[in-house]
């Protein structure tokens, strides 16, 4: 009995030791919801896997939650239910909404300070840093997959139409003339399309021509901003699109990123889309990189001779509390801060930029990529950065901070569609979008009064 007792006791001690060792080695689990489909989602999850393999304390668990709007809705619902993810990828138009979500988010500047993790925020490209910071420069969310919109064109279609495949149209007059030649020659089934119609055909048009979409510096000056969609520039531009649709040189590609498929398949010869679409286009466009041209978005030369910078798109990473009155454990917040430090490294940011077409985020990453000769070997890869830094940034080209902007975009898209379908004039469409959008802004302002 004594021998059995000693053996049993030894076994118990060994079991407890092994159990304690297992607990000591258990990683802190951090949930991360994102809205990037393949192939971008896979590349993002490779970045996460790299962080997980780089250390033994934390494990980031990525999960694709559908489109950006779907990810936004599901994360808000999860917070209300008390089980929000630690990190959520939110598209740029959700910035004002997230900033107003007091108690739901942990500002990144607070997270980094509490975790003792230092990041050189001055190294971020100005347009990116400003978009995700408070007016006094405090970083609210973590920039990562930032993009801007550029023009892609099919060189083979240009050749068939008798156009110079190495010369992209610089102005709207040139683009329309090129689209007519493509249609008349039958060089492709569709001459021109676009993705993210409000971003590429309203917001970017305003920024390039230094015209505000809304008052108070597009909302940066306060939540009481009002839309100005009835500006003559926007009426003129929507009229151009409607006329091109009637003449068969423009095909409306659908809402959000639906239009990407029309260029990827080779069906449309020209598109305005996110620079982040580069990875997909290189993979899917017939002929690959040799058949794809990259260029700045066009401008109206009668409106400006010196087009301004475009504004960013894409998304950033927000840190969320688990639910109302449910803050995160210290070790979880430290793990998130360490992950943010990892993705800010020059080598990680550089590789992400090269692999995807998204911006390199920091000036250091841009210079590092440039030093390798990558841009010389990959023409067009530097177009998004050059376009973003073009001209002089103004209050009208900093970006947008409008409450419930995603909902406003839907209203604008709906009215644009009615104009393109001939159900109303461009002026009437923008007047209706302006009225609906301002109602959304006022509802947001009322709901978020201090």
Protein backbone atom coordinates (compact mmCIF):
# COMPACT_ATOMS: atom_id res chain seq x y z
CA UNK A 1 0.00 0.00 0.00
CA UNK A 2 2.86 2.36 0.89
CA UNK A 3 4.57 1.57 -2.42
CA UNK A 4 1.30 2.15 -4.32
CA UNK A 5 0.77 5.37 -2.45
CA UNK A 6 4.28 6.63 -3.28
CA UNK A 7 3.85 5.68 -6.95
CA UNK A 8 0.41 7.27 -7.11
CA UNK A 9 1.69 10.42 -5.49
CA UNK A 10 4.61 10.59 -7.94
CA UNK A 11 2.23 10.16 -10.87
CA UNK A 12 -0.01 12.92 -9.54
CA UNK A 13 2.94 15.28 -9.12
CA UNK A 14 4.09 14.51 -12.67
CA UNK A 15 0.59 15.09 -14.05
CA UNK A 16 0.28 18.41 -12.26
CA UNK A 17 3.72 19.47 -13.51
CA UNK A 18 2.86 18.61 -17.10
CA UNK A 19 -0.50 20.35 -16.83
CA UNK A 20 1.13 23.45 -15.40
CA UNK A 21 3.72 23.39 -18.17
CA UNK A 22 0.97 23.13 -20.81
CA UNK A 23 -0.86 26.08 -19.29
CA UNK A 24 2.37 28.09 -19.18
CA UNK A 25 2.93 27.47 -22.89
CA UNK A 26 -0.64 28.22 -23.96
CA UNK A 27 -0.79 31.23 -26.28
CA UNK A 28 -3.05 34.22 -25.71
CA UNK A 29 -5.79 33.91 -28.31
CA UNK A 30 -6.79 37.03 -30.28
CA UNK A 31 -9.73 37.02 -32.72
CA UNK A 32 -9.37 39.04 -35.91
CA UNK A 33 -12.27 39.56 -38.33
CA UNK A 34 -11.50 40.80 -41.82
CA UNK A 35 -13.35 41.61 -45.03
CA UNK A 36 -10.87 40.64 -47.76
CA UNK A 37 -11.93 37.88 -50.19
CA UNK A 38 -9.42 35.80 -52.11
CA UNK A 39 -6.71 36.27 -53.22
CA UNK A 40 -6.20 39.26 -50.89
CA UNK A 41 -7.68 37.47 -47.90
CA UNK A 42 -5.19 34.65 -48.30
CA UNK A 43 -2.29 37.09 -48.48
CA UNK A 44 -3.55 38.83 -45.32
CA UNK A 45 -3.78 35.53 -43.50
CA UNK A 46 -0.18 34.78 -44.57
CA UNK A 47 0.87 37.98 -42.78
CA UNK A 48 -0.99 36.82 -39.68
CA UNK A 49 0.67 33.39 -39.91
CA UNK A 50 4.06 35.10 -40.08
CA UNK A 51 3.36 36.96 -36.84
CA UNK A 52 2.13 33.80 -35.11
CA UNK A 53 5.31 31.99 -36.11
CA UNK A 54 7.55 34.87 -35.02
CA UNK A 55 6.81 34.52 -31.30
CA UNK A 56 5.39 32.06 -28.77
CA UNK A 57 3.08 34.22 -26.63
CA UNK A 58 0.18 35.22 -28.88
CA UNK A 59 -1.95 33.65 -31.59
CA UNK A 60 -3.99 35.83 -33.93
CA UNK A 61 -6.97 33.90 -35.31
CA UNK A 62 -8.16 35.46 -38.60
CA UNK A 63 -11.69 34.95 -39.89
CA UNK A 64 -13.21 36.22 -43.16
CA UNK A 65 -16.60 37.78 -42.43
CA UNK A 66 -17.80 38.79 -45.88
CA UNK A 67 -17.62 42.19 -47.55
CA UNK A 68 -16.55 45.31 -45.66
CA UNK A 69 -20.17 46.38 -44.99
CA UNK A 70 -21.03 42.84 -43.82
CA UNK A 71 -17.98 42.77 -41.54
CA UNK A 72 -18.98 46.12 -40.08
CA UNK A 73 -22.55 44.99 -39.35
CA UNK A 74 -21.47 41.66 -37.83
CA UNK A 75 -18.83 43.25 -35.58
CA UNK A 76 -21.31 45.80 -34.21
CA UNK A 77 -23.82 43.01 -33.54
CA UNK A 78 -21.13 40.95 -31.83
CA UNK A 79 -20.20 43.88 -29.57
CA UNK A 80 -23.81 44.30 -28.51
CA UNK A 81 -23.93 40.59 -27.72
CA UNK A 82 -20.76 40.85 -25.66
CA UNK A 83 -18.51 38.76 -27.89
CA UNK A 84 -16.88 41.17 -30.32
CA UNK A 85 -13.57 40.23 -31.97
CA UNK A 86 -10.39 41.78 -30.57
CA UNK A 87 -9.54 43.31 -33.95
CA UNK A 88 -11.85 44.15 -36.84
CA UNK A 89 -10.88 45.36 -40.29
CA UNK A 90 -13.08 48.35 -41.13
CA UNK A 91 -13.21 50.15 -44.47
CA UNK A 92 -12.23 53.79 -44.53
CA UNK A 93 -15.78 55.15 -44.79
CA UNK A 94 -16.57 53.59 -41.41
CA UNK A 95 -14.01 55.80 -39.66
CA UNK A 96 -16.39 58.47 -38.36
CA UNK A 97 -18.85 55.82 -37.21
CA UNK A 98 -16.15 53.93 -35.30
CA UNK A 99 -14.75 57.11 -33.75
CA UNK A 100 -18.20 57.91 -32.43
CA UNK A 101 -18.64 54.41 -30.96
CA UNK A 102 -17.58 55.37 -27.45
CA UNK A 103 -16.91 52.32 -25.31
CA UNK A 104 -16.83 49.96 -28.27
CA UNK A 105 -13.31 50.73 -29.46
CA UNK A 106 -9.91 51.09 -27.86
CA UNK A 107 -8.03 53.96 -29.57
CA UNK A 108 -4.74 52.72 -30.98
CA UNK A 109 -2.73 55.58 -29.45
CA UNK A 110 -3.98 54.52 -26.00
CA UNK A 111 -3.30 50.84 -26.72
CA UNK A 112 0.30 51.50 -27.79
CA UNK A 113 1.02 53.79 -24.83
CA UNK A 114 -0.34 51.31 -22.29
CA UNK A 115 1.53 48.40 -23.88
CA UNK A 116 4.78 50.37 -24.09
CA UNK A 117 5.00 49.82 -27.86
CA UNK A 118 6.40 52.75 -29.85
CA UNK A 119 5.56 53.34 -33.52
CA UNK A 120 6.84 56.24 -35.60
CA UNK A 121 3.49 57.57 -36.77
CA UNK A 122 5.24 60.42 -38.60
CA UNK A 123 6.59 57.80 -41.01
CA UNK A 124 3.10 57.04 -42.32
CA UNK A 125 2.15 58.65 -45.62
CA UNK A 126 0.37 61.92 -44.65
CA UNK A 127 -2.93 61.05 -46.35
CA UNK A 128 -3.07 57.76 -44.46
CA UNK A 129 -2.03 59.09 -41.07
CA UNK A 130 -4.51 61.97 -41.28
CA UNK A 131 -7.45 59.80 -42.28
CA UNK A 132 -7.21 57.57 -39.21
CA UNK A 133 -6.21 60.17 -36.62
CA UNK A 134 -8.02 62.74 -34.52
CA UNK A 135 -7.68 66.38 -35.52
CA UNK A 136 -4.81 66.72 -33.01
CA UNK A 137 -2.93 63.83 -34.58
CA UNK A 138 -3.72 60.90 -32.27
CA UNK A 139 -3.98 57.57 -34.10
CA UNK A 140 -7.39 55.97 -33.61
CA UNK A 141 -7.02 52.85 -35.75
CA UNK A 142 -4.11 50.95 -37.27
CA UNK A 143 -3.52 51.67 -40.97
CA UNK A 144 -2.79 48.60 -43.05
CA UNK A 145 -4.38 47.93 -46.42
CA UNK A 146 -4.69 51.45 -47.73
CA UNK A 147 -5.26 52.02 -51.42
CA UNK A 148 -6.29 54.72 -53.80
CA UNK A 149 -8.16 54.42 -57.07
CA UNK A 150 -6.32 54.45 -60.39
CA UNK A 151 -7.06 53.75 -64.03
CA UNK A 152 -6.33 50.30 -65.46
CA UNK A 153 -6.54 49.69 -69.20
CA UNK A 154 -6.19 46.73 -71.54
CA UNK A 155 -3.28 47.26 -73.93
CA UNK A 156 -4.45 44.67 -76.45
CA UNK A 157 -7.83 46.40 -76.74
CA UNK A 158 -6.01 49.70 -77.28
CA UNK A 159 -3.95 48.15 -80.09
CA UNK A 160 -7.04 46.73 -81.79
CA UNK A 161 -8.71 50.14 -81.60
CA UNK A 162 -5.70 51.89 -83.13
CA UNK A 163 -4.76 53.59 -79.85
CA UNK A 164 -1.27 53.86 -78.42
CA UNK A 165 -1.05 51.09 -75.79
CA UNK A 166 1.66 53.00 -73.93
CA UNK A 167 -0.33 56.24 -73.66
CA UNK A 168 -3.32 56.36 -71.34
CA UNK A 169 -5.99 59.06 -71.63
CA UNK A 170 -5.13 61.85 -69.19
CA UNK A 171 -8.36 63.87 -69.35
CA UNK A 172 -12.04 62.99 -69.50
CA UNK A 173 -12.20 64.27 -73.07
CA UNK A 174 -9.38 61.90 -74.03
CA UNK A 175 -10.97 58.99 -72.16
CA UNK A 176 -14.31 59.48 -73.89
CA UNK A 177 -12.62 59.72 -77.31
CA UNK A 178 -10.66 56.51 -76.61
CA UNK A 179 -13.83 54.74 -75.44
CA UNK A 180 -15.57 55.69 -78.71
CA UNK A 181 -12.73 54.22 -80.77
CA UNK A 182 -12.82 51.01 -78.74
CA UNK A 183 -16.58 50.67 -79.23
CA UNK A 184 -16.50 51.52 -82.95
CA UNK A 185 -13.65 49.09 -83.63
CA UNK A 186 -15.19 46.28 -81.61
CA UNK A 187 -11.87 45.94 -79.78
CA UNK A 188 -13.73 44.76 -76.68
CA UNK A 189 -17.31 44.08 -75.67
CA UNK A 190 -17.25 47.04 -73.29
CA UNK A 191 -15.15 50.19 -73.51
CA UNK A 192 -15.22 51.68 -70.00
CA UNK A 193 -16.52 50.69 -66.57
CA UNK A 194 -15.71 51.44 -62.95
CA UNK A 195 -15.80 49.91 -59.50
CA UNK A 196 -16.89 51.56 -56.24
CA UNK A 197 -18.92 54.15 -58.18
CA UNK A 198 -19.27 56.77 -55.44
CA UNK A 199 -15.57 56.53 -54.53
CA UNK A 200 -14.16 56.64 -58.06
CA UNK A 201 -16.81 58.82 -59.73
CA UNK A 202 -17.82 61.27 -56.99
CA UNK A 203 -15.35 61.35 -54.10
CA UNK A 204 -12.19 61.13 -56.20
CA UNK A 205 -13.54 63.56 -58.79
CA UNK A 206 -14.06 66.10 -56.02
CA UNK A 207 -10.59 65.58 -54.51
CA UNK A 208 -8.80 65.81 -57.86
CA UNK A 209 -10.54 69.08 -58.72
CA UNK A 210 -10.37 70.52 -55.18
CA UNK A 211 -14.15 70.49 -54.76
CA UNK A 212 -15.68 69.32 -51.50
CA UNK A 213 -18.26 66.57 -51.32
CA UNK A 214 -19.37 68.07 -48.00
CA UNK A 215 -18.83 71.20 -45.94
CA UNK A 216 -16.41 71.48 -43.02
CA UNK A 217 -13.52 69.86 -44.89
CA UNK A 218 -15.64 66.85 -45.86
CA UNK A 219 -16.67 66.35 -42.25
CA UNK A 220 -13.25 66.65 -40.60
CA UNK A 221 -14.42 69.95 -39.10
CA UNK A 222 -17.34 68.48 -37.20
CA UNK A 223 -20.41 66.22 -37.31
CA UNK A 224 -22.68 69.05 -38.45
CA UNK A 225 -21.24 68.97 -41.99
CA UNK A 226 -23.67 68.99 -44.92
CA UNK A 227 -23.32 67.38 -48.35
CA UNK A 228 -22.73 69.44 -51.48
CA UNK A 229 -23.46 66.89 -54.21
CA UNK A 230 -25.33 69.41 -56.32
CA UNK A 231 -22.08 71.22 -57.09
CA UNK A 232 -21.79 71.94 -60.85
CA UNK A 233 -18.73 69.67 -61.12
CA UNK A 234 -20.65 66.60 -59.93
CA UNK A 235 -23.65 67.43 -62.12
CA UNK A 236 -21.33 67.77 -65.08
CA UNK A 237 -19.58 64.50 -64.35
CA UNK A 238 -22.71 62.41 -63.80
CA UNK A 239 -24.05 63.92 -67.03
CA UNK A 240 -20.90 62.69 -68.79
CA UNK A 241 -21.42 59.16 -67.45
CA UNK A 242 -25.10 59.14 -68.42
CA UNK A 243 -24.27 60.33 -71.95
CA UNK A 244 -21.54 57.71 -72.28
CA UNK A 245 -23.94 55.02 -71.10
CA UNK A 246 -26.44 56.09 -73.78
CA UNK A 247 -23.81 56.03 -76.52
CA UNK A 248 -22.60 52.61 -75.36
CA UNK A 249 -19.13 53.65 -74.22
CA UNK A 250 -19.75 53.26 -70.47
CA UNK A 251 -21.15 50.25 -68.66
CA UNK A 252 -22.25 50.61 -65.06
CA UNK A 253 -20.50 47.75 -63.29
CA UNK A 254 -22.69 47.60 -60.20
CA UNK A 255 -22.28 48.69 -56.61
CA UNK A 256 -19.11 48.55 -54.53
CA UNK A 257 -16.46 46.31 -56.12
CA UNK A 258 -18.77 44.44 -58.51
CA UNK A 259 -17.23 46.16 -61.54
CA UNK A 260 -13.82 44.57 -60.91
CA UNK A 261 -14.93 41.40 -62.69
CA UNK A 262 -15.62 43.24 -65.96
CA UNK A 263 -11.98 44.27 -66.35
CA UNK A 264 -10.54 41.08 -64.86
CA UNK A 265 -12.31 38.99 -67.51
CA UNK A 266 -11.11 41.21 -70.37
CA UNK A 267 -14.68 42.24 -71.15
CA UNK A 268 -14.08 45.96 -70.50
CA UNK A 269 -11.02 47.79 -71.83
CA UNK A 270 -10.79 50.57 -69.22
CA UNK A 271 -11.74 50.73 -65.58
CA UNK A 272 -11.33 52.94 -62.54
CA UNK A 273 -10.74 50.73 -59.53
CA UNK A 274 -8.80 50.31 -56.31
CA UNK A 275 -5.06 49.95 -56.67
CA UNK A 276 -5.59 46.93 -54.42
CA UNK A 277 -7.23 45.19 -57.41
CA UNK A 278 -3.77 44.81 -58.94
CA UNK A 279 -3.24 41.34 -57.44
CA UNK A 280 -6.49 40.06 -58.94
CA UNK A 281 -5.91 41.66 -62.32
CA UNK A 282 -2.39 40.27 -62.64
CA UNK A 283 -3.84 36.83 -62.00
CA UNK A 284 -7.00 37.00 -64.13
CA UNK A 285 -6.66 39.51 -66.99
CA UNK A 286 -5.88 37.62 -70.23
CA UNK A 287 -2.22 38.25 -71.03
CA UNK A 288 -1.34 39.23 -67.46
CA UNK A 289 1.04 42.07 -66.63
CA UNK A 290 2.15 42.54 -70.24
CA UNK A 291 -1.41 43.42 -71.21
CA UNK A 292 -2.28 45.80 -68.35
CA UNK A 293 -1.69 49.55 -68.37
CA UNK A 294 -1.73 51.67 -65.22
CA UNK A 295 -2.45 55.41 -65.09
CA UNK A 296 -3.75 58.31 -63.03
CA UNK A 297 -7.47 58.94 -62.89
CA UNK A 298 -8.49 61.48 -65.56
CA UNK A 299 -9.47 65.08 -64.90
CA UNK A 300 -11.40 67.88 -66.61
CA UNK A 301 -8.75 70.17 -68.08
CA UNK A 302 -11.31 73.00 -68.27
CA UNK A 303 -11.76 72.81 -64.49
CA UNK A 304 -8.13 72.49 -63.44
CA UNK A 305 -4.74 72.39 -65.10
CA UNK A 306 -3.11 70.94 -61.99
CA UNK A 307 -5.08 67.99 -60.61
CA UNK A 308 -4.80 67.34 -56.89
CA UNK A 309 -4.08 64.14 -55.02
CA UNK A 310 -6.62 61.35 -54.84
CA UNK A 311 -7.90 60.14 -51.46
CA UNK A 312 -7.26 56.80 -49.84
CA UNK A 313 -9.54 53.81 -49.66
CA UNK A 314 -9.03 50.35 -48.25
CA UNK A 315 -9.28 49.71 -44.54
CA UNK A 316 -7.65 49.91 -41.14
CA UNK A 317 -7.64 47.71 -38.05
CA UNK A 318 -9.77 48.75 -35.07
CA UNK A 319 -9.36 47.37 -31.56
CA UNK A 320 -12.72 46.48 -30.01
CA UNK A 321 -13.81 45.86 -26.47
CA UNK A 322 -15.66 42.57 -26.04
CA UNK A 323 -18.97 44.26 -25.30
CA UNK A 324 -20.62 46.98 -23.21
CA UNK A 325 -18.59 47.35 -20.01
CA UNK A 326 -16.40 44.37 -21.02
CA UNK A 327 -12.79 45.51 -21.41
CA UNK A 328 -9.96 43.32 -22.62
CA UNK A 329 -7.38 41.57 -20.45
CA UNK A 330 -3.99 43.29 -20.34
CA UNK A 331 -2.18 40.40 -22.04
CA UNK A 332 -4.67 40.48 -24.92
CA UNK A 333 -4.12 44.19 -25.48
CA UNK A 334 -0.34 43.71 -25.32
CA UNK A 335 -0.62 40.97 -27.94
CA UNK A 336 -2.60 43.26 -30.24
CA UNK A 337 0.02 46.01 -29.83
CA UNK A 338 2.80 43.54 -30.68
CA UNK A 339 0.89 42.46 -33.80
CA UNK A 340 0.54 46.09 -34.88
CA UNK A 341 4.27 46.59 -34.32
CA UNK A 342 4.96 43.54 -36.51
CA UNK A 343 2.84 44.66 -39.46
CA UNK A 344 4.51 48.09 -39.29
CA UNK A 345 7.94 46.62 -39.96
CA UNK A 346 9.50 47.80 -43.20
CA UNK A 347 9.94 44.27 -44.55
CA UNK A 348 6.32 43.29 -43.80
CA UNK A 349 4.83 46.52 -45.20
CA UNK A 350 7.05 46.28 -48.30
CA UNK A 351 6.09 42.70 -49.06
CA UNK A 352 2.38 43.42 -48.58
CA UNK A 353 2.65 46.34 -51.01
CA UNK A 354 4.46 44.24 -53.63
CA UNK A 355 2.15 41.24 -53.27
CA UNK A 356 -1.13 43.14 -53.41
CA UNK A 357 -0.86 46.58 -55.00
CA UNK A 358 -1.97 48.27 -51.80
CA UNK A 359 0.08 51.27 -50.71
CA UNK A 360 3.32 50.72 -48.76
CA UNK A 361 1.81 52.74 -45.84
CA UNK A 362 5.09 54.26 -44.64
CA UNK A 363 7.70 56.41 -46.34
CA UNK A 364 10.38 53.97 -45.14
CA UNK A 365 8.65 51.04 -46.85
CA UNK A 366 8.24 53.05 -50.06
CA UNK A 367 11.91 53.98 -50.11
CA UNK A 368 12.94 50.40 -49.33
CA UNK A 369 10.90 49.05 -52.24
CA UNK A 370 12.20 51.77 -54.55
CA UNK A 371 15.80 50.91 -53.62
CA UNK A 372 15.31 47.34 -54.84
CA UNK A 373 14.47 48.54 -58.35
CA UNK A 374 11.00 47.03 -58.08
CA UNK A 375 9.26 50.00 -59.69
CA UNK A 376 11.65 49.93 -62.64
CA UNK A 377 10.90 46.25 -63.21
CA UNK A 378 7.17 46.61 -62.56
CA UNK A 379 5.90 49.68 -64.41
CA UNK A 380 2.77 51.16 -62.89
CA UNK A 381 3.31 49.81 -59.39
CA UNK A 382 4.28 53.27 -58.17
CA UNK A 383 1.30 55.00 -59.82
CA UNK A 384 -0.92 54.87 -56.68
CA UNK A 385 1.76 56.43 -54.47
CA UNK A 386 2.65 59.12 -57.02
CA UNK A 387 -1.03 59.92 -57.56
CA UNK A 388 -1.68 60.14 -53.83
CA UNK A 389 1.21 62.57 -53.41
CA UNK A 390 0.36 64.61 -56.51
CA UNK A 391 -0.39 68.33 -56.18
CA UNK A 392 -1.11 70.01 -52.87
CA UNK A 393 -3.37 68.34 -50.33
CA UNK A 394 -6.26 70.60 -49.38
CA UNK A 395 -9.27 70.45 -47.09
CA UNK A 396 -11.15 68.95 -50.05
CA UNK A 397 -8.61 66.19 -50.71
CA UNK A 398 -7.74 64.98 -47.19
CA UNK A 399 -10.47 62.38 -47.19
CA UNK A 400 -13.87 62.03 -45.53
CA UNK A 401 -15.15 61.87 -41.99
CA UNK A 402 -18.90 61.62 -42.40
CA UNK A 403 -21.13 59.66 -40.04
CA UNK A 404 -22.79 56.57 -41.50
CA UNK A 405 -20.91 57.21 -44.73
CA UNK A 406 -21.50 53.64 -45.89
CA UNK A 407 -25.25 54.31 -45.78
CA UNK A 408 -24.76 57.60 -47.61
CA UNK A 409 -22.86 55.77 -50.34
CA UNK A 410 -25.79 53.42 -50.85
CA UNK A 411 -28.15 56.39 -51.27
CA UNK A 412 -25.82 57.99 -53.84
CA UNK A 413 -25.45 54.72 -55.75
CA UNK A 414 -29.21 54.24 -55.91
CA UNK A 415 -29.77 57.73 -57.32
CA UNK A 416 -26.87 57.35 -59.79
CA UNK A 417 -28.41 54.10 -61.02
CA UNK A 418 -31.75 55.78 -61.66
CA UNK A 419 -30.02 58.48 -63.69
CA UNK A 420 -28.03 55.96 -65.75
CA UNK A 421 -31.22 53.99 -66.39
CA UNK A 422 -32.91 57.15 -67.67
CA UNK A 423 -35.41 57.42 -64.81
CA UNK A 424 -34.26 60.90 -63.78
CA UNK A 425 -31.84 63.60 -64.87
CA UNK A 426 -28.32 63.74 -63.43
CA UNK A 427 -29.20 66.99 -61.63
CA UNK A 428 -32.31 65.44 -60.09
CA UNK A 429 -30.34 62.35 -59.05
CA UNK A 430 -27.73 64.38 -57.22
CA UNK A 431 -30.36 66.58 -55.60
CA UNK A 432 -32.13 63.47 -54.30
CA UNK A 433 -28.84 61.93 -53.13
CA UNK A 434 -27.95 65.18 -51.39
CA UNK A 435 -31.28 65.30 -49.55
CA UNK A 436 -31.13 61.65 -48.48
CA UNK A 437 -27.49 61.91 -47.46
CA UNK A 438 -28.08 64.97 -45.31
CA UNK A 439 -30.94 63.22 -43.55
CA UNK A 440 -28.54 60.38 -42.72
CA UNK A 441 -25.96 62.86 -41.43
CA UNK A 442 -28.46 64.62 -39.20
CA UNK A 443 -29.68 61.30 -37.77
CA UNK A 444 -26.08 60.34 -37.00
CA UNK A 445 -25.42 63.74 -35.40
CA UNK A 446 -28.50 63.41 -33.15
CA UNK A 447 -27.57 59.88 -32.11
CA UNK A 448 -24.02 60.87 -31.16
CA UNK A 449 -24.48 64.15 -29.31
CA UNK A 450 -22.29 64.30 -26.21
